Amino acid sequence: MDKKVISPCISICRTDPLSGYCYGCARTNEEKKLWKEESTKNQWKERNLELIITRMQGWQLETFKESYNHKKNNGISLFKKNLLKNK
């Protein structure tokens, strides 16, 4: 069985109207849909992760890396963790 590739969603779901990329994960809406489809292969997801990282720079890239690593290790992004903590 293939190891699951964790979604790059870090719970900052807003799309930039000019680029069409999500501010949090830098995916397009179409890429987000493909991640949810059961038929999407891990190989595609891994390549997509590499691609979206190339779309980011500066604070966005650093924030994404920190939150995504937290999600992979703890099952929840830092942003979502802080939202739940402040409720």
PDB file of N, CA and C in Angstrom:
ATOM      1  N   MET A   1       0.842  -1.192   0.000  1.00  0.00           N
ATOM      2  CA  MET A   1       0.000   0.000   0.000  1.00  0.00           C
ATOM      3  C   MET A   1       0.883   1.249   0.000  1.00  0.00           C
ATOM      4  N   ASP A   2       0.505   2.247  -0.789  1.00  0.00           N
ATOM      5  CA  ASP A   2       1.271   3.488  -0.857  1.00  0.00           C
ATOM      6  C   ASP A   2       1.105   4.303   0.413  1.00  0.00           C
ATOM      7  N   LYS A   3       2.191   4.965   0.801  1.00  0.00           N
ATOM      8  CA  LYS A   3       2.145   5.876   1.928  1.00  0.00           C
ATOM      9  C   LYS A   3       1.332   7.110   1.524  1.00  0.00           C
ATOM     10  N   LYS A   4       0.441   7.541   2.393  1.00  0.00           N
ATOM     11  CA  LYS A   4      -0.416   8.686   2.085  1.00  0.00           C
ATOM     12  C   LYS A   4       0.415   9.976   2.013  1.00  0.00           C
ATOM     13  N   VAL A   5       0.147  10.763   0.996  1.00  0.00           N
ATOM     14  CA  VAL A   5       0.779  12.071   0.858  1.00  0.00           C
ATOM     15  C   VAL A   5      -0.165  13.084   1.489  1.00  0.00           C
ATOM     16  N   ILE A   6       0.309  13.799   2.477  1.00  0.00           N
ATOM     17  CA  ILE A   6      -0.506  14.761   3.224  1.00  0.00           C
ATOM     18  C   ILE A   6      -0.817  15.975   2.352  1.00  0.00           C
ATOM     19  N   SER A   7      -2.071  16.375   2.360  1.00  0.00           N
ATOM     20  CA  SER A   7      -2.511  17.542   1.599  1.00  0.00           C
ATOM     21  C   SER A   7      -1.735  18.784   2.032  1.00  0.00           C
ATOM     22  N   PRO A   8      -1.373  19.641   1.077  1.00  0.00           N
ATOM     23  CA  PRO A   8      -0.659  20.869   1.423  1.00  0.00           C
ATOM     24  C   PRO A   8      -1.545  21.971   2.009  1.00  0.00           C
ATOM     25  N   CYS A   9      -2.836  21.708   2.157  1.00  0.00           N
ATOM     26  CA  CYS A   9      -3.725  22.725   2.731  1.00  0.00           C
ATOM     27  C   CYS A   9      -3.285  23.044   4.151  1.00  0.00           C
ATOM     28  N   ILE A  10      -3.057  24.332   4.413  1.00  0.00           N
ATOM     29  CA  ILE A  10      -2.677  24.749   5.766  1.00  0.00           C
ATOM     30  C   ILE A  10      -3.757  25.647   6.380  1.00  0.00           C
ATOM     31  N   SER A  11      -4.976  25.510   5.869  1.00  0.00           N
ATOM     32  CA  SER A  11      -6.174  26.163   6.415  1.00  0.00           C
ATOM     33  C   SER A  11      -6.203  27.675   6.226  1.00  0.00           C
ATOM     34  N   ILE A  12      -5.485  28.172   5.238  1.00  0.00           N
ATOM     35  CA  ILE A  12      -5.563  29.583   4.855  1.00  0.00           C
ATOM     36  C   ILE A  12      -6.110  29.581   3.437  1.00  0.00           C
ATOM     37  N   CYS A  13      -7.406  29.424   3.326  1.00  0.00           N
ATOM     38  CA  CYS A  13      -8.053  29.141   2.040  1.00  0.00           C
ATOM     39  C   CYS A  13      -8.648  30.393   1.416  1.00  0.00           C
ATOM     40  N   ARG A  14      -7.790  31.151   0.793  1.00  0.00           N
ATOM     41  CA  ARG A  14      -8.213  32.340   0.052  1.00  0.00           C
ATOM     42  C   ARG A  14      -7.437  32.359  -1.260  1.00  0.00           C
ATOM     43  N   THR A  15      -8.132  32.604  -2.355  1.00  0.00           N
ATOM     44  CA  THR A  15      -7.494  32.600  -3.661  1.00  0.00           C
ATOM     45  C   THR A  15      -7.165  34.014  -4.103  1.00  0.00           C
ATOM     46  N   ASP A  16      -5.929  34.201  -4.532  1.00  0.00           N
ATOM     47  CA  ASP A  16      -5.504  35.483  -5.084  1.00  0.00           C
ATOM     48  C   ASP A  16      -6.203  35.672  -6.429  1.00  0.00           C
ATOM     49  N   PRO A  17      -6.946  36.767  -6.606  1.00  0.00           N
ATOM     50  CA  PRO A  17      -7.711  36.951  -7.838  1.00  0.00           C
ATOM     51  C   PRO A  17      -6.837  37.155  -9.073  1.00  0.00           C
ATOM     52  N   LEU A  18      -5.606  37.596  -8.899  1.00  0.00           N
ATOM     53  CA  LEU A  18      -4.739  37.822 -10.057  1.00  0.00           C
ATOM     54  C   LEU A  18      -4.029  36.547 -10.516  1.00  0.00           C
ATOM     55  N   SER A  19      -3.445  35.822  -9.583  1.00  0.00           N
ATOM     56  CA  SER A  19      -2.686  34.623  -9.950  1.00  0.00           C
ATOM     57  C   SER A  19      -3.556  33.369 -10.021  1.00  0.00           C
ATOM     58  N   GLY A  20      -4.649  33.360  -9.253  1.00  0.00           N
ATOM     59  CA  GLY A  20      -5.478  32.165  -9.170  1.00  0.00           C
ATOM     60  C   GLY A  20      -4.945  31.136  -8.190  1.00  0.00           C
ATOM     61  N   TYR A  21      -3.900  31.495  -7.428  1.00  0.00           N
ATOM     62  CA  TYR A  21      -3.296  30.598  -6.449  1.00  0.00           C
ATOM     63  C   TYR A  21      -3.800  30.906  -5.047  1.00  0.00           C
ATOM     64  N   CYS A  22      -3.944  29.856  -4.262  1.00  0.00           N
ATOM     65  CA  CYS A  22      -4.336  30.006  -2.863  1.00  0.00           C
ATOM     66  C   CYS A  22      -3.210  30.696  -2.098  1.00  0.00           C
ATOM     67  N   TYR A  23      -3.553  31.640  -1.235  1.00  0.00           N
ATOM     68  CA  TYR A  23      -2.549  32.333  -0.423  1.00  0.00           C
ATOM     69  C   TYR A  23      -1.827  31.376   0.522  1.00  0.00           C
ATOM     70  N   GLY A  24      -2.519  30.350   1.000  1.00  0.00           N
ATOM     71  CA  GLY A  24      -1.912  29.431   1.957  1.00  0.00           C
ATOM     72  C   GLY A  24      -1.030  28.377   1.330  1.00  0.00           C
ATOM     73  N   CYS A  25      -1.539  27.712   0.281  1.00  0.00           N
ATOM     74  CA  CYS A  25      -0.822  26.556  -0.277  1.00  0.00           C
ATOM     75  C   CYS A  25      -0.362  26.744  -1.719  1.00  0.00           C
ATOM     76  N   ALA A  26      -0.742  27.821  -2.349  1.00  0.00           N
ATOM     77  CA  ALA A  26      -0.335  28.140  -3.732  1.00  0.00           C
ATOM     78  C   ALA A  26      -0.886  27.172  -4.778  1.00  0.00           C
ATOM     79  N   ARG A  27      -1.973  26.479  -4.436  1.00  0.00           N
ATOM     80  CA  ARG A  27      -2.610  25.604  -5.424  1.00  0.00           C
ATOM     81  C   ARG A  27      -3.718  26.349  -6.143  1.00  0.00           C
ATOM     82  N   THR A  28      -4.025  25.886  -7.352  1.00  0.00           N
ATOM     83  CA  THR A  28      -5.192  26.397  -8.068  1.00  0.00           C
ATOM     84  C   THR A  28      -6.420  25.643  -7.557  1.00  0.00           C
ATOM     85  N   ASN A  29      -7.589  26.138  -7.864  1.00  0.00           N
ATOM     86  CA  ASN A  29      -8.818  25.438  -7.466  1.00  0.00           C
ATOM     87  C   ASN A  29      -8.879  24.051  -8.103  1.00  0.00           C
ATOM     88  N   GLU A  30      -8.409  23.934  -9.344  1.00  0.00           N
ATOM     89  CA  GLU A  30      -8.393  22.636 -10.022  1.00  0.00           C
ATOM     90  C   GLU A  30      -7.460  21.657  -9.306  1.00  0.00           C
ATOM     91  N   GLU A  31      -6.306  22.126  -8.881  1.00  0.00           N
ATOM     92  CA  GLU A  31      -5.374  21.270  -8.144  1.00  0.00           C
ATOM     93  C   GLU A  31      -5.980  20.817  -6.816  1.00  0.00           C
ATOM     94  N   LYS A  32      -6.700  21.702  -6.169  1.00  0.00           N
ATOM     95  CA  LYS A  32      -7.361  21.331  -4.912  1.00  0.00           C
ATOM     96  C   LYS A  32      -8.365  20.208  -5.135  1.00  0.00           C
ATOM     97  N   LYS A  33      -9.117  20.302  -6.228  1.00  0.00           N
ATOM     98  CA  LYS A  33     -10.093  19.249  -6.551  1.00  0.00           C
ATOM     99  C   LYS A  33      -9.393  17.921  -6.812  1.00  0.00           C
ATOM    100  N   LEU A  34      -8.300  17.956  -7.549  1.00  0.00           N
ATOM    101  CA  LEU A  34      -7.571  16.722  -7.866  1.00  0.00           C
ATOM    102  C   LEU A  34      -7.033  16.043  -6.605  1.00  0.00           C
ATOM    103  N   TRP A  35      -6.596  16.833  -5.621  1.00  0.00           N
ATOM    104  CA  TRP A  35      -6.096  16.257  -4.367  1.00  0.00           C
ATOM    105  C   TRP A  35      -7.175  15.444  -3.674  1.00  0.00           C
ATOM    106  N   LYS A  36      -8.428  15.838  -3.803  1.00  0.00           N
ATOM    107  CA  LYS A  36      -9.528  15.166  -3.102  1.00  0.00           C
ATOM    108  C   LYS A  36     -10.023  13.915  -3.813  1.00  0.00           C
ATOM    109  N   GLU A  37      -9.703  13.770  -5.085  1.00  0.00           N
ATOM    110  CA  GLU A  37     -10.181  12.610  -5.841  1.00  0.00           C
ATOM    111  C   GLU A  37      -9.408  11.361  -5.435  1.00  0.00           C
ATOM    112  N   GLU A  38     -10.142  10.293  -5.172  1.00  0.00           N
ATOM    113  CA  GLU A  38      -9.508   9.035  -4.765  1.00  0.00           C
ATOM    114  C   GLU A  38      -8.612   8.465  -5.847  1.00  0.00           C
ATOM    115  N   SER A  39      -8.900   8.765  -7.106  1.00  0.00           N
ATOM    116  CA  SER A  39      -8.118   8.208  -8.212  1.00  0.00           C
ATOM    117  C   SER A  39      -6.787   8.930  -8.445  1.00  0.00           C
ATOM    118  N   THR A  40      -6.571  10.058  -7.772  1.00  0.00           N
ATOM    119  CA  THR A  40      -5.327  10.803  -7.947  1.00  0.00           C
ATOM    120  C   THR A  40      -4.176  10.043  -7.298  1.00  0.00           C
ATOM    121  N   LYS A  41      -3.157   9.800  -8.068  1.00  0.00           N
ATOM    122  CA  LYS A  41      -2.007   9.006  -7.622  1.00  0.00           C
ATOM    123  C   LYS A  41      -1.059   9.830  -6.746  1.00  0.00           C
ATOM    124  N   ASN A  42      -0.375   9.137  -5.834  1.00  0.00           N
ATOM    125  CA  ASN A  42       0.612   9.789  -4.972  1.00  0.00           C
ATOM    126  C   ASN A  42       1.725  10.446  -5.783  1.00  0.00           C
ATOM    127  N   GLN A  43       2.092   9.836  -6.901  1.00  0.00           N
ATOM    128  CA  GLN A  43       3.142  10.411  -7.737  1.00  0.00           C
ATOM    129  C   GLN A  43       2.743  11.816  -8.207  1.00  0.00           C
ATOM    130  N   TRP A  44       1.478  11.983  -8.609  1.00  0.00           N
ATOM    131  CA  TRP A  44       1.007  13.308  -9.025  1.00  0.00           C
ATOM    132  C   TRP A  44       1.054  14.271  -7.846  1.00  0.00           C
ATOM    133  N   LYS A  45       0.620  13.813  -6.676  1.00  0.00           N
ATOM    134  CA  LYS A  45       0.606  14.669  -5.487  1.00  0.00           C
ATOM    135  C   LYS A  45       2.012  15.119  -5.116  1.00  0.00           C
ATOM    136  N   GLU A  46       2.970  14.215  -5.182  1.00  0.00           N
ATOM    137  CA  GLU A  46       4.351  14.570  -4.858  1.00  0.00           C
ATOM    138  C   GLU A  46       4.901  15.599  -5.841  1.00  0.00           C
ATOM    139  N   ARG A  47       4.609  15.412  -7.131  1.00  0.00           N
ATOM    140  CA  ARG A  47       5.055  16.395  -8.136  1.00  0.00           C
ATOM    141  C   ARG A  47       4.354  17.737  -7.923  1.00  0.00           C
ATOM    142  N   ASN A  48       3.062  17.690  -7.575  1.00  0.00           N
ATOM    143  CA  ASN A  48       2.324  18.922  -7.338  1.00  0.00           C
ATOM    144  C   ASN A  48       2.893  19.681  -6.140  1.00  0.00           C
ATOM    145  N   LEU A  49       3.267  18.951  -5.083  1.00  0.00           N
ATOM    146  CA  LEU A  49       3.898  19.589  -3.922  1.00  0.00           C
ATOM    147  C   LEU A  49       5.172  20.327  -4.335  1.00  0.00           C
ATOM    148  N   GLU A  50       5.985  19.678  -5.148  1.00  0.00           N
ATOM    149  CA  GLU A  50       7.211  20.316  -5.634  1.00  0.00           C
ATOM    150  C   GLU A  50       6.884  21.569  -6.441  1.00  0.00           C
ATOM    151  N   LEU A  51       5.853  21.489  -7.278  1.00  0.00           N
ATOM    152  CA  LEU A  51       5.458  22.621  -8.115  1.00  0.00           C
ATOM    153  C   LEU A  51       4.959  23.794  -7.284  1.00  0.00           C
ATOM    154  N   ILE A  52       4.066  23.518  -6.332  1.00  0.00           N
ATOM    155  CA  ILE A  52       3.499  24.643  -5.569  1.00  0.00           C
ATOM    156  C   ILE A  52       4.569  25.348  -4.739  1.00  0.00           C
ATOM    157  N   ILE A  53       5.567  24.601  -4.285  1.00  0.00           N
ATOM    158  CA  ILE A  53       6.651  25.230  -3.518  1.00  0.00           C
ATOM    159  C   ILE A  53       7.431  26.207  -4.393  1.00  0.00           C
ATOM    160  N   THR A  54       7.539  25.918  -5.690  1.00  0.00           N
ATOM    161  CA  THR A  54       8.243  26.847  -6.589  1.00  0.00           C
ATOM    162  C   THR A  54       7.451  28.131  -6.808  1.00  0.00           C
ATOM    163  N   ARG A  55       6.153  28.100  -6.521  1.00  0.00           N
ATOM    164  CA  ARG A  55       5.312  29.297  -6.687  1.00  0.00           C
ATOM    165  C   ARG A  55       5.440  30.257  -5.514  1.00  0.00           C
ATOM    166  N   MET A  56       6.011  29.777  -4.418  1.00  0.00           N
ATOM    167  CA  MET A  56       6.092  30.582  -3.196  1.00  0.00           C
ATOM    168  C   MET A  56       7.482  31.174  -3.027  1.00  0.00           C
ATOM    169  N   GLN A  57       7.539  32.255  -2.270  1.00  0.00           N
ATOM    170  CA  GLN A  57       8.818  32.842  -1.901  1.00  0.00           C
ATOM    171  C   GLN A  57       8.657  33.645  -0.623  1.00  0.00           C
ATOM    172  N   GLY A  58       9.767  34.003  -0.019  1.00  0.00           N
ATOM    173  CA  GLY A  58       9.756  34.850   1.169  1.00  0.00           C
ATOM    174  C   GLY A  58       8.926  34.295   2.302  1.00  0.00           C
ATOM    175  N   TRP A  59       8.154  35.176   2.936  1.00  0.00           N
ATOM    176  CA  TRP A  59       7.377  34.801   4.125  1.00  0.00           C
ATOM    177  C   TRP A  59       6.353  33.708   3.820  1.00  0.00           C
ATOM    178  N   GLN A  60       5.767  33.732   2.610  1.00  0.00           N
ATOM    179  CA  GLN A  60       4.769  32.712   2.272  1.00  0.00           C
ATOM    180  C   GLN A  60       5.405  31.327   2.284  1.00  0.00           C
ATOM    181  N   LEU A  61       6.575  31.203   1.694  1.00  0.00           N
ATOM    182  CA  LEU A  61       7.259  29.920   1.646  1.00  0.00           C
ATOM    183  C   LEU A  61       7.655  29.453   3.045  1.00  0.00           C
ATOM    184  N   GLU A  62       8.198  30.351   3.850  1.00  0.00           N
ATOM    185  CA  GLU A  62       8.607  29.980   5.207  1.00  0.00           C
ATOM    186  C   GLU A  62       7.409  29.585   6.071  1.00  0.00           C
ATOM    187  N   THR A  63       6.333  30.340   5.968  1.00  0.00           N
ATOM    188  CA  THR A  63       5.118  30.030   6.721  1.00  0.00           C
ATOM    189  C   THR A  63       4.540  28.691   6.285  1.00  0.00           C
ATOM    190  N   PHE A  64       4.516  28.469   4.973  1.00  0.00           N
ATOM    191  CA  PHE A  64       3.992  27.201   4.463  1.00  0.00           C
ATOM    192  C   PHE A  64       4.819  26.032   4.987  1.00  0.00           C
ATOM    193  N   LYS A  65       6.131  26.119   4.855  1.00  0.00           N
ATOM    194  CA  LYS A  65       7.000  25.015   5.283  1.00  0.00           C
ATOM    195  C   LYS A  65       6.806  24.696   6.764  1.00  0.00           C
ATOM    196  N   GLU A  66       6.766  25.726   7.589  1.00  0.00           N
ATOM    197  CA  GLU A  66       6.600  25.523   9.035  1.00  0.00           C
ATOM    198  C   GLU A  66       5.248  24.879   9.349  1.00  0.00           C
ATOM    199  N   SER A  67       4.184  25.402   8.748  1.00  0.00           N
ATOM    200  CA  SER A  67       2.853  24.889   9.033  1.00  0.00           C
ATOM    201  C   SER A  67       2.638  23.498   8.435  1.00  0.00           C
ATOM    202  N   TYR A  68       3.158  23.271   7.232  1.00  0.00           N
ATOM    203  CA  TYR A  68       2.995  21.964   6.589  1.00  0.00           C
ATOM    204  C   TYR A  68       3.767  20.885   7.360  1.00  0.00           C
ATOM    205  N   ASN A  69       4.972  21.199   7.806  1.00  0.00           N
ATOM    206  CA  ASN A  69       5.731  20.242   8.615  1.00  0.00           C
ATOM    207  C   ASN A  69       5.012  19.928   9.918  1.00  0.00           C
ATOM    208  N   HIS A  70       4.416  20.946  10.534  1.00  0.00           N
ATOM    209  CA  HIS A  70       3.649  20.733  11.760  1.00  0.00           C
ATOM    210  C   HIS A  70       2.462  19.814  11.466  1.00  0.00           C
ATOM    211  N   LYS A  71       1.797  20.041  10.337  1.00  0.00           N
ATOM    212  CA  LYS A  71       0.656  19.210   9.951  1.00  0.00           C
ATOM    213  C   LYS A  71       1.083  17.766   9.726  1.00  0.00           C
ATOM    214  N   LYS A  72       2.206  17.556   9.039  1.00  0.00           N
ATOM    215  CA  LYS A  72       2.687  16.187   8.790  1.00  0.00           C
ATOM    216  C   LYS A  72       3.032  15.480  10.097  1.00  0.00           C
ATOM    217  N   ASN A  73       3.582  16.216  11.055  1.00  0.00           N
ATOM    218  CA  ASN A  73       4.013  15.605  12.318  1.00  0.00           C
ATOM    219  C   ASN A  73       2.918  15.503  13.370  1.00  0.00           C
ATOM    220  N   ASN A  74       1.914  16.392  13.306  1.00  0.00           N
ATOM    221  CA  ASN A  74       0.905  16.464  14.359  1.00  0.00           C
ATOM    222  C   ASN A  74      -0.532  16.329  13.881  1.00  0.00           C
ATOM    223  N   GLY A  75      -0.725  16.252  12.568  1.00  0.00           N
ATOM    224  CA  GLY A  75      -2.063  16.045  12.028  1.00  0.00           C
ATOM    225  C   GLY A  75      -2.900  17.302  11.882  1.00  0.00           C
ATOM    226  N   ILE A  76      -2.308  18.463  12.179  1.00  0.00           N
ATOM    227  CA  ILE A  76      -3.052  19.722  12.088  1.00  0.00           C
ATOM    228  C   ILE A  76      -2.070  20.855  11.778  1.00  0.00           C
ATOM    229  N   SER A  77      -2.489  21.780  10.915  1.00  0.00           N
ATOM    230  CA  SER A  77      -1.615  22.906  10.585  1.00  0.00           C
ATOM    231  C   SER A  77      -1.534  23.859  11.773  1.00  0.00           C
ATOM    232  N   LEU A  78      -0.473  24.651  11.804  1.00  0.00           N
ATOM    233  CA  LEU A  78      -0.321  25.631  12.889  1.00  0.00           C
ATOM    234  C   LEU A  78      -1.454  26.641  12.898  1.00  0.00           C
ATOM    235  N   PHE A  79      -1.877  27.092  11.723  1.00  0.00           N
ATOM    236  CA  PHE A  79      -2.956  28.068  11.640  1.00  0.00           C
ATOM    237  C   PHE A  79      -4.235  27.508  12.247  1.00  0.00           C
ATOM    238  N   LYS A  80      -4.588  26.276  11.866  1.00  0.00           N
ATOM    239  CA  LYS A  80      -5.804  25.655  12.398  1.00  0.00           C
ATOM    240  C   LYS A  80      -5.671  25.405  13.898  1.00  0.00           C
ATOM    241  N   LYS A  81      -4.499  24.982  14.336  1.00  0.00           N
ATOM    242  CA  LYS A  81      -4.255  24.756  15.763  1.00  0.00           C
ATOM    243  C   LYS A  81      -4.501  26.044  16.547  1.00  0.00           C
ATOM    244  N   ASN A  82      -4.001  27.159  16.039  1.00  0.00           N
ATOM    245  CA  ASN A  82      -4.183  28.446  16.722  1.00  0.00           C
ATOM    246  C   ASN A  82      -5.646  28.899  16.695  1.00  0.00           C
ATOM    247  N   LEU A  83      -6.338  28.620  15.599  1.00  0.00           N
ATOM    248  CA  LEU A  83      -7.768  28.960  15.531  1.00  0.00           C
ATOM    249  C   LEU A  83      -8.549  28.211  16.604  1.00  0.00           C
ATOM    250  N   LEU A  84      -8.282  26.925  16.722  1.00  0.00           N
ATOM    251  CA  LEU A  84      -8.990  26.108  17.697  1.00  0.00           C
ATOM    252  C   LEU A  84      -8.628  26.510  19.127  1.00  0.00           C
ATOM    253  N   LYS A  85      -7.380  26.871  19.348  1.00  0.00           N
ATOM    254  CA  LYS A  85      -6.922  27.285  20.672  1.00  0.00           C
ATOM    255  C   LYS A  85      -7.592  28.585  21.122  1.00  0.00           C
ATOM    256  N   ASN A  86      -7.870  29.462  20.174  1.00  0.00           N
ATOM    257  CA  ASN A  86      -8.432  30.775  20.508  1.00  0.00           C
ATOM    258  C   ASN A  86      -9.948  30.799  20.531  1.00  0.00           C
ATOM    259  N   LYS A  87     -10.590  29.650  20.379  1.00  0.00           N
ATOM    260  CA  LYS A  87     -12.068  29.608  20.434  1.00  0.00           C
ATOM    261  C   LYS A  87     -12.558  29.653  21.853  1.00  0.00           C
TER     262      LYS A  87
END
